[in-house]
Amino acid sequence: MKKIRFIEVKSEIAAGTRGASMGPDAIKVAALDYGSNLFKKIDATEVPNENKQLFDAPGSPYAKRIKAVYAMLERVANAVKNSLKGNEFPIVLAGDHSTAAGTISGIRMAYPKQRLGVIWVDAHADLHSPWTTPSGNMHGMPLAAVLNEDNASNKMNRPDKETLEWWNKIKKLGNIAPKLDYKDLVFIALRDTEPEETYLLKKHKVKVFSTSEVKRNGVEKIARDTLAHLNHCHLIYISFDVDSMDSSISKGTGTPVRNGITEKEAGSLLVRLIQNEKVCCFEIAEVNPTLDKENLMAENTFEILQRVVSQLA
């Protein structure tokens, strides 16, 4: 069995609200409260962050702090690549979701010839580019980056030359672009998209399982259908944004959305998916304890993490 390694990415420079960088530590606090020694048993690598940039002006309004975001993606990519090359199973504990573009880059850098399937368990599609973003927050762009997607036909913004140069560097990270094909992407619990993103989802006929489908058909069928859809891929990466869960469960995330899955559904789904031998990396993102009461989101997330780890151990 592969050795698990936690890769801690305490970064929040690409989020709109502050506090997601504390997510990994909030999960550790939950572990302590449960009397768990999980974080003692498993080796961890902490990726240096750029959160000091939060005290400076954000730069481009269409890709805030893009230079620092690029630095983070590069570091995360190298950490993930090195872990995989060392025959480990990396579990990334991330702050804001932008760094998932680094995770995907790292997987592709480790396995440049392999076809990668991505399971994106998230309320949001994260398919914006500097051309289409309504907020400029780059945690809404990781999938566009790895898909090499500008969505030029839906341009709303006019990013400057320097911003576009950095965006192109992000898309080409690891000298592979695109790193992912739309056919190899599955969304679960997606329910909050902008028209520009909906256009891409429809155009490329991307596989989406809504919350109501999860509730109607059950976790087992959704997991089976997801894995069947990605059957042609050599490797699979699962990215779990905690806002995939319903906003009633916890306020402890930057962009909570109603009508999500329950923590029980999320846990059962991830446990079922992680059993597939093609899964090579798992990520948790966007726990924000500063928005929470009694660290509830981190506790729910830790319980899910514990269940996932027990499947791998």
C-alpha atoms as a PDB file:
ATOM      1  CA  MET A   1       0.000   0.000   0.000  1.00  0.00           C
ATOM      2  CA  LYS A   2       1.207   3.493  -0.825  1.00  0.00           C
ATOM      3  CA  LYS A   3       2.285   5.741   1.982  1.00  0.00           C
ATOM      4  CA  ILE A   4       0.011   8.750   2.505  1.00  0.00           C
ATOM      5  CA  ARG A   5       1.492  12.245   2.717  1.00  0.00           C
ATOM      6  CA  PHE A   6      -0.409  15.351   3.765  1.00  0.00           C
ATOM      7  CA  ILE A   7       0.476  18.412   1.696  1.00  0.00           C
ATOM      8  CA  GLU A   8      -0.617  21.489   3.629  1.00  0.00           C
ATOM      9  CA  VAL A   9      -1.313  24.581   1.542  1.00  0.00           C
ATOM     10  CA  LYS A  10      -2.247  27.393   3.930  1.00  0.00           C
ATOM     11  CA  SER A  11      -2.941  29.918   1.188  1.00  0.00           C
ATOM     12  CA  GLU A  12      -5.899  32.250   0.737  1.00  0.00           C
ATOM     13  CA  ILE A  13      -4.594  34.900  -1.654  1.00  0.00           C
ATOM     14  CA  ALA A  14      -7.085  33.882  -4.343  1.00  0.00           C
ATOM     15  CA  ALA A  15     -10.226  33.971  -2.179  1.00  0.00           C
ATOM     16  CA  GLY A  16     -12.696  36.824  -1.748  1.00  0.00           C
ATOM     17  CA  THR A  17     -13.101  36.418   2.012  1.00  0.00           C
ATOM     18  CA  ARG A  18     -10.294  36.045   4.518  1.00  0.00           C
ATOM     19  CA  GLY A  19      -9.588  33.018   6.676  1.00  0.00           C
ATOM     20  CA  ALA A  20      -9.320  29.962   4.381  1.00  0.00           C
ATOM     21  CA  SER A  21      -5.576  29.720   5.067  1.00  0.00           C
ATOM     22  CA  MET A  22      -6.528  28.632   8.599  1.00  0.00           C
ATOM     23  CA  GLY A  23      -8.518  25.675   7.229  1.00  0.00           C
ATOM     24  CA  PRO A  24      -5.757  23.031   7.487  1.00  0.00           C
ATOM     25  CA  ASP A  25      -5.003  24.033  11.098  1.00  0.00           C
ATOM     26  CA  ALA A  26      -8.715  24.089  11.956  1.00  0.00           C
ATOM     27  CA  ILE A  27      -8.904  20.471  10.730  1.00  0.00           C
ATOM     28  CA  LYS A  28      -5.949  19.641  13.023  1.00  0.00           C
ATOM     29  CA  VAL A  29      -7.735  21.303  15.955  1.00  0.00           C
ATOM     30  CA  ALA A  30     -10.762  19.117  15.186  1.00  0.00           C
ATOM     31  CA  ALA A  31      -8.465  16.054  15.223  1.00  0.00           C
ATOM     32  CA  LEU A  32      -7.168  17.051  18.664  1.00  0.00           C
ATOM     33  CA  ASP A  33     -10.711  17.582  19.930  1.00  0.00           C
ATOM     34  CA  TYR A  34     -11.569  14.075  18.757  1.00  0.00           C
ATOM     35  CA  GLY A  35      -8.464  12.685  20.465  1.00  0.00           C
ATOM     36  CA  SER A  36      -7.134  11.474  17.106  1.00  0.00           C
ATOM     37  CA  ASN A  37      -3.433  10.945  16.388  1.00  0.00           C
ATOM     38  CA  LEU A  38      -3.942  11.047  12.598  1.00  0.00           C
ATOM     39  CA  PHE A  39      -1.616  14.019  12.171  1.00  0.00           C
ATOM     40  CA  LYS A  40       1.066  12.284  14.202  1.00  0.00           C
ATOM     41  CA  LYS A  41       0.867   9.098  12.128  1.00  0.00           C
ATOM     42  CA  ILE A  42       1.067  10.702   8.688  1.00  0.00           C
ATOM     43  CA  ASP A  43       4.012  12.742   7.416  1.00  0.00           C
ATOM     44  CA  ALA A  44       3.226  16.244   6.188  1.00  0.00           C
ATOM     45  CA  THR A  45       4.850  18.777   3.887  1.00  0.00           C
ATOM     46  CA  GLU A  46       3.872  22.419   4.314  1.00  0.00           C
ATOM     47  CA  VAL A  47       4.071  24.500   1.150  1.00  0.00           C
ATOM     48  CA  PRO A  48       5.356  28.048   1.856  1.00  0.00           C
ATOM     49  CA  ASN A  49       2.613  30.635   1.272  1.00  0.00           C
ATOM     50  CA  GLU A  50       2.332  34.192  -0.029  1.00  0.00           C
ATOM     51  CA  ASN A  51      -0.331  35.452   2.401  1.00  0.00           C
ATOM     52  CA  LYS A  52       1.753  38.525   3.204  1.00  0.00           C
ATOM     53  CA  GLN A  53       0.593  39.780  -0.229  1.00  0.00           C
ATOM     54  CA  LEU A  54      -2.878  40.265   1.259  1.00  0.00           C
ATOM     55  CA  PHE A  55      -1.611  43.469   2.877  1.00  0.00           C
ATOM     56  CA  ASP A  56      -0.667  44.898  -0.529  1.00  0.00           C
ATOM     57  CA  ALA A  57      -2.912  46.169  -3.327  1.00  0.00           C
ATOM     58  CA  PRO A  58      -4.405  43.252  -5.310  1.00  0.00           C
ATOM     59  CA  GLY A  59      -3.102  44.449  -8.694  1.00  0.00           C
ATOM     60  CA  SER A  60      -5.184  43.455 -11.706  1.00  0.00           C
ATOM     61  CA  PRO A  61      -8.945  43.646 -10.980  1.00  0.00           C
ATOM     62  CA  TYR A  62      -9.473  40.612 -13.250  1.00  0.00           C
ATOM     63  CA  ALA A  63      -6.891  38.307 -11.667  1.00  0.00           C
ATOM     64  CA  LYS A  64      -6.080  39.554  -8.192  1.00  0.00           C
ATOM     65  CA  ARG A  65      -2.547  38.799  -6.946  1.00  0.00           C
ATOM     66  CA  ILE A  66      -1.892  36.687 -10.046  1.00  0.00           C
ATOM     67  CA  LYS A  67       1.888  36.787  -9.646  1.00  0.00           C
ATOM     68  CA  ALA A  68       1.678  35.380  -6.113  1.00  0.00           C
ATOM     69  CA  VAL A  69      -0.949  32.843  -7.261  1.00  0.00           C
ATOM     70  CA  TYR A  70       1.483  31.627  -9.918  1.00  0.00           C
ATOM     71  CA  ALA A  71       4.207  31.221  -7.273  1.00  0.00           C
ATOM     72  CA  MET A  72       1.814  29.143  -5.140  1.00  0.00           C
ATOM     73  CA  LEU A  73       0.728  26.934  -8.056  1.00  0.00           C
ATOM     74  CA  GLU A  74       4.333  26.214  -8.947  1.00  0.00           C
ATOM     75  CA  ARG A  75       5.193  25.232  -5.350  1.00  0.00           C
ATOM     76  CA  VAL A  76       2.105  23.046  -4.978  1.00  0.00           C
ATOM     77  CA  ALA A  77       2.780  21.379  -8.341  1.00  0.00           C
ATOM     78  CA  ASN A  78       6.324  20.481  -7.288  1.00  0.00           C
ATOM     79  CA  ALA A  79       5.215  19.178  -3.875  1.00  0.00           C
ATOM     80  CA  VAL A  80       2.542  16.951  -5.474  1.00  0.00           C
ATOM     81  CA  LYS A  81       4.894  15.764  -8.230  1.00  0.00           C
ATOM     82  CA  ASN A  82       7.616  14.855  -5.701  1.00  0.00           C
ATOM     83  CA  SER A  83       5.131  12.992  -3.505  1.00  0.00           C
ATOM     84  CA  LEU A  84       3.825  10.945  -6.448  1.00  0.00           C
ATOM     85  CA  LYS A  85       7.356  10.263  -7.695  1.00  0.00           C
ATOM     86  CA  GLY A  86       8.161   8.980  -4.212  1.00  0.00           C
ATOM     87  CA  ASN A  87       5.340   6.455  -4.624  1.00  0.00           C
ATOM     88  CA  GLU A  88       3.162   8.256  -2.071  1.00  0.00           C
ATOM     89  CA  PHE A  89      -0.537   9.097  -2.080  1.00  0.00           C
ATOM     90  CA  PRO A  90      -0.774  12.879  -1.582  1.00  0.00           C
ATOM     91  CA  ILE A  91      -3.725  14.278   0.339  1.00  0.00           C
ATOM     92  CA  VAL A  92      -3.745  18.033  -0.145  1.00  0.00           C
ATOM     93  CA  LEU A  93      -5.216  20.119   2.670  1.00  0.00           C
ATOM     94  CA  ALA A  94      -5.720  23.460   0.955  1.00  0.00           C
ATOM     95  CA  GLY A  95      -6.994  26.908   1.785  1.00  0.00           C
ATOM     96  CA  ASP A  96      -8.578  28.567  -1.224  1.00  0.00           C
ATOM     97  CA  HIS A  97      -9.400  26.352  -4.210  1.00  0.00           C
ATOM     98  CA  SER A  98      -7.122  28.112  -6.735  1.00  0.00           C
ATOM     99  CA  THR A  99      -4.202  25.907  -5.734  1.00  0.00           C
ATOM    100  CA  ALA A 100      -5.997  22.852  -7.174  1.00  0.00           C
ATOM    101  CA  ALA A 101      -4.585  24.050 -10.513  1.00  0.00           C
ATOM    102  CA  GLY A 102      -1.172  23.405  -8.954  1.00  0.00           C
ATOM    103  CA  THR A 103      -2.222  19.962  -7.760  1.00  0.00           C
ATOM    104  CA  ILE A 104      -3.433  18.969 -11.230  1.00  0.00           C
ATOM    105  CA  SER A 105      -0.252  20.380 -12.768  1.00  0.00           C
ATOM    106  CA  GLY A 106       1.830  18.321 -10.338  1.00  0.00           C
ATOM    107  CA  ILE A 107      -0.008  15.102 -11.218  1.00  0.00           C
ATOM    108  CA  ARG A 108       0.516  15.735 -14.928  1.00  0.00           C
ATOM    109  CA  MET A 109       4.203  16.625 -14.363  1.00  0.00           C
ATOM    110  CA  ALA A 110       4.666  13.298 -12.558  1.00  0.00           C
ATOM    111  CA  TYR A 111       2.753  11.382 -15.253  1.00  0.00           C
ATOM    112  CA  PRO A 112       2.981  13.416 -18.501  1.00  0.00           C
ATOM    113  CA  LYS A 113       1.824  10.523 -20.711  1.00  0.00           C
ATOM    114  CA  GLN A 114      -1.162   9.504 -18.577  1.00  0.00           C
ATOM    115  CA  ARG A 115      -4.720  10.672 -19.114  1.00  0.00           C
ATOM    116  CA  LEU A 116      -6.099  12.309 -15.962  1.00  0.00           C
ATOM    117  CA  GLY A 117      -9.735  12.249 -14.863  1.00  0.00           C
ATOM    118  CA  VAL A 118     -10.919  14.911 -12.419  1.00  0.00           C
ATOM    119  CA  ILE A 119     -13.873  14.605 -10.016  1.00  0.00           C
ATOM    120  CA  TRP A 120     -14.793  18.115  -8.834  1.00  0.00           C
ATOM    121  CA  VAL A 121     -17.111  17.941  -5.802  1.00  0.00           C
ATOM    122  CA  ASP A 122     -18.057  21.599  -5.489  1.00  0.00           C
ATOM    123  CA  ALA A 123     -20.986  24.026  -5.553  1.00  0.00           C
ATOM    124  CA  HIS A 124     -19.071  26.053  -8.152  1.00  0.00           C
ATOM    125  CA  ALA A 125     -17.645  25.284 -11.586  1.00  0.00           C
ATOM    126  CA  ASP A 126     -14.419  27.349 -11.187  1.00  0.00           C
ATOM    127  CA  LEU A 127     -14.294  27.807 -14.966  1.00  0.00           C
ATOM    128  CA  HIS A 128     -13.687  31.561 -15.116  1.00  0.00           C
ATOM    129  CA  SER A 129     -10.725  33.239 -16.760  1.00  0.00           C
ATOM    130  CA  PRO A 130      -9.485  36.835 -16.381  1.00  0.00           C
ATOM    131  CA  TRP A 131     -11.677  37.573 -19.426  1.00  0.00           C
ATOM    132  CA  THR A 132     -14.925  36.430 -17.757  1.00  0.00           C
ATOM    133  CA  THR A 133     -14.488  36.677 -13.978  1.00  0.00           C
ATOM    134  CA  PRO A 134     -17.104  38.804 -12.181  1.00  0.00           C
ATOM    135  CA  SER A 135     -14.925  39.129  -9.040  1.00  0.00           C
ATOM    136  CA  GLY A 136     -11.288  38.818 -10.080  1.00  0.00           C
ATOM    137  CA  ASN A 137     -10.786  36.192  -7.358  1.00  0.00           C
ATOM    138  CA  MET A 138      -8.667  33.408  -8.783  1.00  0.00           C
ATOM    139  CA  HIS A 139     -10.224  30.622  -6.696  1.00  0.00           C
ATOM    140  CA  GLY A 140     -12.880  30.732  -9.419  1.00  0.00           C
ATOM    141  CA  MET A 141     -10.331  29.910 -12.145  1.00  0.00           C
ATOM    142  CA  PRO A 142      -8.417  26.655 -11.414  1.00  0.00           C
ATOM    143  CA  LEU A 143     -10.275  24.457 -13.901  1.00  0.00           C
ATOM    144  CA  ALA A 144     -10.112  27.058 -16.672  1.00  0.00           C
ATOM    145  CA  ALA A 145      -6.345  27.210 -16.081  1.00  0.00           C
ATOM    146  CA  VAL A 146      -5.800  23.453 -16.477  1.00  0.00           C
ATOM    147  CA  LEU A 147      -8.241  23.237 -19.393  1.00  0.00           C
ATOM    148  CA  ASN A 148      -6.268  26.036 -21.120  1.00  0.00           C
ATOM    149  CA  GLU A 149      -9.592  27.884 -21.371  1.00  0.00           C
ATOM    150  CA  ASP A 150      -9.987  31.659 -21.926  1.00  0.00           C
ATOM    151  CA  ASN A 151     -13.674  31.450 -22.914  1.00  0.00           C
ATOM    152  CA  ALA A 152     -12.943  34.253 -25.398  1.00  0.00           C
ATOM    153  CA  SER A 153     -16.451  34.141 -26.921  1.00  0.00           C
ATOM    154  CA  ASN A 154     -17.877  35.353 -23.595  1.00  0.00           C
ATOM    155  CA  LYS A 155     -15.390  38.139 -22.872  1.00  0.00           C
ATOM    156  CA  MET A 156     -16.631  40.714 -20.358  1.00  0.00           C
ATOM    157  CA  ASN A 157     -13.341  42.161 -19.117  1.00  0.00           C
ATOM    158  CA  ARG A 158     -10.255  43.681 -20.674  1.00  0.00           C
ATOM    159  CA  PRO A 159      -7.266  42.370 -18.730  1.00  0.00           C
ATOM    160  CA  ASP A 160      -3.959  44.156 -19.339  1.00  0.00           C
ATOM    161  CA  LYS A 161      -0.968  42.634 -21.110  1.00  0.00           C
ATOM    162  CA  GLU A 162       0.936  41.753 -17.922  1.00  0.00           C
ATOM    163  CA  THR A 163      -2.077  39.947 -16.438  1.00  0.00           C
ATOM    164  CA  LEU A 164      -2.461  37.887 -19.615  1.00  0.00           C
ATOM    165  CA  GLU A 165       1.226  37.019 -19.610  1.00  0.00           C
ATOM    166  CA  TRP A 166       0.903  35.605 -16.078  1.00  0.00           C
ATOM    167  CA  TRP A 167      -2.340  33.832 -17.005  1.00  0.00           C
ATOM    168  CA  ASN A 168      -0.575  32.165 -19.939  1.00  0.00           C
ATOM    169  CA  LYS A 169       2.250  31.104 -17.613  1.00  0.00           C
ATOM    170  CA  ILE A 170      -0.324  29.534 -15.279  1.00  0.00           C
ATOM    171  CA  LYS A 171      -1.991  27.691 -18.170  1.00  0.00           C
ATOM    172  CA  LYS A 172       1.382  26.388 -19.372  1.00  0.00           C
ATOM    173  CA  LEU A 173       2.695  25.401 -15.931  1.00  0.00           C
ATOM    174  CA  GLY A 174       4.748  22.207 -16.211  1.00  0.00           C
ATOM    175  CA  ASN A 175       4.966  22.770 -19.999  1.00  0.00           C
ATOM    176  CA  ILE A 176       1.696  20.875 -20.515  1.00  0.00           C
ATOM    177  CA  ALA A 177      -1.362  22.695 -21.859  1.00  0.00           C
ATOM    178  CA  PRO A 178      -4.134  21.718 -21.647  1.00  0.00           C
ATOM    179  CA  LYS A 179      -3.607  19.395 -18.683  1.00  0.00           C
ATOM    180  CA  LEU A 180      -7.190  18.195 -18.727  1.00  0.00           C
ATOM    181  CA  ASP A 181      -9.858  17.447 -21.324  1.00  0.00           C
ATOM    182  CA  TYR A 182     -13.501  18.410 -20.753  1.00  0.00           C
ATOM    183  CA  LYS A 183     -14.445  14.769 -21.419  1.00  0.00           C
ATOM    184  CA  ASP A 184     -12.356  13.753 -18.402  1.00  0.00           C
ATOM    185  CA  LEU A 185     -14.125  16.048 -15.930  1.00  0.00           C
ATOM    186  CA  VAL A 186     -17.101  15.236 -13.687  1.00  0.00           C
ATOM    187  CA  PHE A 187     -18.872  17.709 -11.393  1.00  0.00           C
ATOM    188  CA  ILE A 188     -20.823  16.562  -8.333  1.00  0.00           C
ATOM    189  CA  ALA A 189     -23.176  18.871  -6.341  1.00  0.00           C
ATOM    190  CA  LEU A 190     -22.602  21.739  -8.805  1.00  0.00           C
ATOM    191  CA  ARG A 191     -25.356  24.334  -8.379  1.00  0.00           C
ATOM    192  CA  ASP A 192     -23.997  27.885  -8.533  1.00  0.00           C
ATOM    193  CA  THR A 193     -22.641  28.828 -11.963  1.00  0.00           C
ATOM    194  CA  GLU A 194     -22.436  32.055 -13.936  1.00  0.00           C
ATOM    195  CA  PRO A 195     -23.744  32.195 -17.547  1.00  0.00           C
ATOM    196  CA  GLU A 196     -20.173  32.205 -18.942  1.00  0.00           C
ATOM    197  CA  GLU A 197     -19.468  28.916 -17.134  1.00  0.00           C
ATOM    198  CA  THR A 198     -22.823  27.389 -18.096  1.00  0.00           C
ATOM    199  CA  TYR A 199     -21.942  28.129 -21.731  1.00  0.00           C
ATOM    200  CA  LEU A 200     -18.750  26.021 -21.430  1.00  0.00           C
ATOM    201  CA  LEU A 201     -20.502  23.189 -19.601  1.00  0.00           C
ATOM    202  CA  LYS A 202     -23.135  22.952 -22.344  1.00  0.00           C
ATOM    203  CA  LYS A 203     -20.727  23.475 -25.233  1.00  0.00           C
ATOM    204  CA  HIS A 204     -18.454  20.645 -24.073  1.00  0.00           C
ATOM    205  CA  LYS A 205     -21.302  18.445 -22.725  1.00  0.00           C
ATOM    206  CA  VAL A 206     -19.548  18.137 -19.373  1.00  0.00           C
ATOM    207  CA  LYS A 207     -20.830  15.432 -17.031  1.00  0.00           C
ATOM    208  CA  VAL A 208     -22.637  17.019 -14.068  1.00  0.00           C
ATOM    209  CA  PHE A 209     -24.411  15.251 -11.211  1.00  0.00           C
ATOM    210  CA  SER A 210     -26.660  17.693  -9.383  1.00  0.00           C
ATOM    211  CA  THR A 211     -27.454  17.542  -5.676  1.00  0.00           C
ATOM    212  CA  SER A 212     -30.979  16.339  -6.515  1.00  0.00           C
ATOM    213  CA  GLU A 213     -29.516  13.456  -8.536  1.00  0.00           C
ATOM    214  CA  VAL A 214     -27.324  12.479  -5.576  1.00  0.00           C
ATOM    215  CA  LYS A 215     -30.382  12.494  -3.314  1.00  0.00           C
ATOM    216  CA  ARG A 216     -32.629  10.739  -5.830  1.00  0.00           C
ATOM    217  CA  ASN A 217     -30.238   8.016  -6.997  1.00  0.00           C
ATOM    218  CA  GLY A 218     -28.049   7.587  -3.930  1.00  0.00           C
ATOM    219  CA  VAL A 219     -24.324   7.922  -3.447  1.00  0.00           C
ATOM    220  CA  GLU A 220     -23.493   4.407  -4.678  1.00  0.00           C
ATOM    221  CA  LYS A 221     -25.021   4.973  -8.135  1.00  0.00           C
ATOM    222  CA  ILE A 222     -23.480   8.444  -8.518  1.00  0.00           C
ATOM    223  CA  ALA A 223     -20.042   7.053  -7.624  1.00  0.00           C
ATOM    224  CA  ARG A 224     -20.469   4.132 -10.032  1.00  0.00           C
ATOM    225  CA  ASP A 225     -21.622   6.386 -12.896  1.00  0.00           C
ATOM    226  CA  THR A 226     -18.808   8.881 -12.220  1.00  0.00           C
ATOM    227  CA  LEU A 227     -16.139   6.178 -12.336  1.00  0.00           C
ATOM    228  CA  ALA A 228     -17.723   4.633 -15.454  1.00  0.00           C
ATOM    229  CA  HIS A 229     -17.584   8.042 -17.165  1.00  0.00           C
ATOM    230  CA  LEU A 230     -13.843   8.258 -16.380  1.00  0.00           C
ATOM    231  CA  ASN A 231     -13.113   4.630 -17.179  1.00  0.00           C
ATOM    232  CA  HIS A 232     -10.885   5.585 -20.140  1.00  0.00           C
ATOM    233  CA  CYS A 233      -8.587   7.659 -17.866  1.00  0.00           C
ATOM    234  CA  HIS A 234      -5.375   6.202 -16.430  1.00  0.00           C
ATOM    235  CA  LEU A 235      -5.469   8.275 -13.231  1.00  0.00           C
ATOM    236  CA  ILE A 236      -8.142  10.066 -11.200  1.00  0.00           C
ATOM    237  CA  TYR A 237      -7.880  13.078  -8.881  1.00  0.00           C
ATOM    238  CA  ILE A 238     -10.695  14.044  -6.489  1.00  0.00           C
ATOM    239  CA  SER A 239     -11.085  17.664  -5.409  1.00  0.00           C
ATOM    240  CA  PHE A 240     -13.506  18.247  -2.530  1.00  0.00           C
ATOM    241  CA  ASP A 241     -14.549  21.831  -1.880  1.00  0.00           C
ATOM    242  CA  VAL A 242     -16.466  21.844   1.409  1.00  0.00           C
ATOM    243  CA  ASP A 243     -19.049  24.250  -0.051  1.00  0.00           C
ATOM    244  CA  SER A 244     -20.396  21.216  -1.950  1.00  0.00           C
ATOM    245  CA  MET A 245     -22.143  20.544   1.360  1.00  0.00           C
ATOM    246  CA  ASP A 246     -25.309  22.438   2.213  1.00  0.00           C
ATOM    247  CA  SER A 247     -24.975  25.878   3.775  1.00  0.00           C
ATOM    248  CA  SER A 248     -27.199  24.740   6.665  1.00  0.00           C
ATOM    249  CA  ILE A 249     -24.506  22.302   7.824  1.00  0.00           C
ATOM    250  CA  SER A 250     -21.980  24.984   8.450  1.00  0.00           C
ATOM    251  CA  LYS A 251     -21.175  28.553   7.611  1.00  0.00           C
ATOM    252  CA  GLY A 252     -17.462  27.758   7.718  1.00  0.00           C
ATOM    253  CA  THR A 253     -16.638  28.373   4.058  1.00  0.00           C
ATOM    254  CA  GLY A 254     -16.242  31.540   2.000  1.00  0.00           C
ATOM    255  CA  THR A 255     -19.056  30.962  -0.502  1.00  0.00           C
ATOM    256  CA  PRO A 256     -21.764  28.756   1.078  1.00  0.00           C
ATOM    257  CA  VAL A 257     -24.633  27.711  -1.204  1.00  0.00           C
ATOM    258  CA  ARG A 258     -28.032  26.235  -0.336  1.00  0.00           C
ATOM    259  CA  ASN A 259     -29.287  22.860  -1.610  1.00  0.00           C
ATOM    260  CA  GLY A 260     -26.015  21.025  -1.152  1.00  0.00           C
ATOM    261  CA  ILE A 261     -25.260  17.467  -0.142  1.00  0.00           C
ATOM    262  CA  THR A 262     -25.107  16.474   3.534  1.00  0.00           C
ATOM    263  CA  GLU A 263     -21.846  15.696   5.314  1.00  0.00           C
ATOM    264  CA  LYS A 264     -22.962  12.042   5.432  1.00  0.00           C
ATOM    265  CA  GLU A 265     -23.514  11.980   1.654  1.00  0.00           C
ATOM    266  CA  ALA A 266     -20.175  13.708   1.065  1.00  0.00           C
ATOM    267  CA  GLY A 267     -18.328  11.240   3.298  1.00  0.00           C
ATOM    268  CA  SER A 268     -19.973   8.162   1.770  1.00  0.00           C
ATOM    269  CA  LEU A 269     -19.382   9.458  -1.755  1.00  0.00           C
ATOM    270  CA  LEU A 270     -15.696  10.177  -1.186  1.00  0.00           C
ATOM    271  CA  VAL A 271     -15.109   6.863   0.581  1.00  0.00           C
ATOM    272  CA  ARG A 272     -16.710   5.025  -2.349  1.00  0.00           C
ATOM    273  CA  LEU A 273     -14.714   6.960  -4.962  1.00  0.00           C
ATOM    274  CA  ILE A 274     -11.371   6.674  -3.166  1.00  0.00           C
ATOM    275  CA  GLN A 275     -11.579   2.871  -3.284  1.00  0.00           C
ATOM    276  CA  ASN A 276     -10.944   2.991  -7.043  1.00  0.00           C
ATOM    277  CA  GLU A 277      -7.348   2.007  -7.738  1.00  0.00           C
ATOM    278  CA  LYS A 278      -6.940   4.789 -10.334  1.00  0.00           C
ATOM    279  CA  VAL A 279      -7.367   7.517  -7.714  1.00  0.00           C
ATOM    280  CA  CYS A 280      -3.897   8.956  -7.111  1.00  0.00           C
ATOM    281  CA  CYS A 281      -4.577  12.170  -5.179  1.00  0.00           C
ATOM    282  CA  PHE A 282      -7.287  13.701  -2.984  1.00  0.00           C
ATOM    283  CA  GLU A 283      -7.789  17.328  -2.000  1.00  0.00           C
ATOM    284  CA  ILE A 284      -9.883  19.228   0.538  1.00  0.00           C
ATOM    285  CA  ALA A 285     -10.333  22.993   0.119  1.00  0.00           C
ATOM    286  CA  GLU A 286     -12.066  26.093   1.470  1.00  0.00           C
ATOM    287  CA  VAL A 287     -12.593  25.314   5.171  1.00  0.00           C
ATOM    288  CA  ASN A 288     -12.740  28.771   6.779  1.00  0.00           C
ATOM    289  CA  PRO A 289     -12.972  28.660  10.594  1.00  0.00           C
ATOM    290  CA  THR A 290     -13.275  32.459  10.916  1.00  0.00           C
ATOM    291  CA  LEU A 291     -16.774  32.242   9.412  1.00  0.00           C
ATOM    292  CA  ASP A 292     -17.824  29.338  11.592  1.00  0.00           C
ATOM    293  CA  LYS A 293     -19.328  28.497  14.964  1.00  0.00           C
ATOM    294  CA  GLU A 294     -17.451  26.055  17.204  1.00  0.00           C
ATOM    295  CA  ASN A 295     -15.235  24.887  14.313  1.00  0.00           C
ATOM    296  CA  LEU A 296     -18.136  22.830  12.959  1.00  0.00           C
ATOM    297  CA  MET A 297     -17.069  22.736   9.298  1.00  0.00           C
ATOM    298  CA  ALA A 298     -13.565  21.573  10.229  1.00  0.00           C
ATOM    299  CA  GLU A 299     -15.046  18.880  12.492  1.00  0.00           C
ATOM    300  CA  ASN A 300     -17.323  17.621   9.710  1.00  0.00           C
ATOM    301  CA  THR A 301     -14.381  17.742   7.316  1.00  0.00           C
ATOM    302  CA  PHE A 302     -12.070  15.909   9.702  1.00  0.00           C
ATOM    303  CA  GLU A 303     -14.608  13.104  10.067  1.00  0.00           C
ATOM    304  CA  ILE A 304     -14.700  12.799   6.263  1.00  0.00           C
ATOM    305  CA  LEU A 305     -10.881  12.919   6.058  1.00  0.00           C
ATOM    306  CA  GLN A 306     -10.607  10.176   8.669  1.00  0.00           C
ATOM    307  CA  ARG A 307     -12.984   7.955   6.688  1.00  0.00           C
ATOM    308  CA  VAL A 308     -11.041   8.568   3.464  1.00  0.00           C
ATOM    309  CA  VAL A 309      -7.675   7.811   5.100  1.00  0.00           C
ATOM    310  CA  SER A 310      -9.020   4.572   6.598  1.00  0.00           C
ATOM    311  CA  GLN A 311      -9.829   3.383   3.047  1.00  0.00           C
ATOM    312  CA  LEU A 312      -6.264   4.029   1.927  1.00  0.00           C
ATOM    313  CA  ALA A 313      -4.438   2.688   4.964  1.00  0.00           C
END
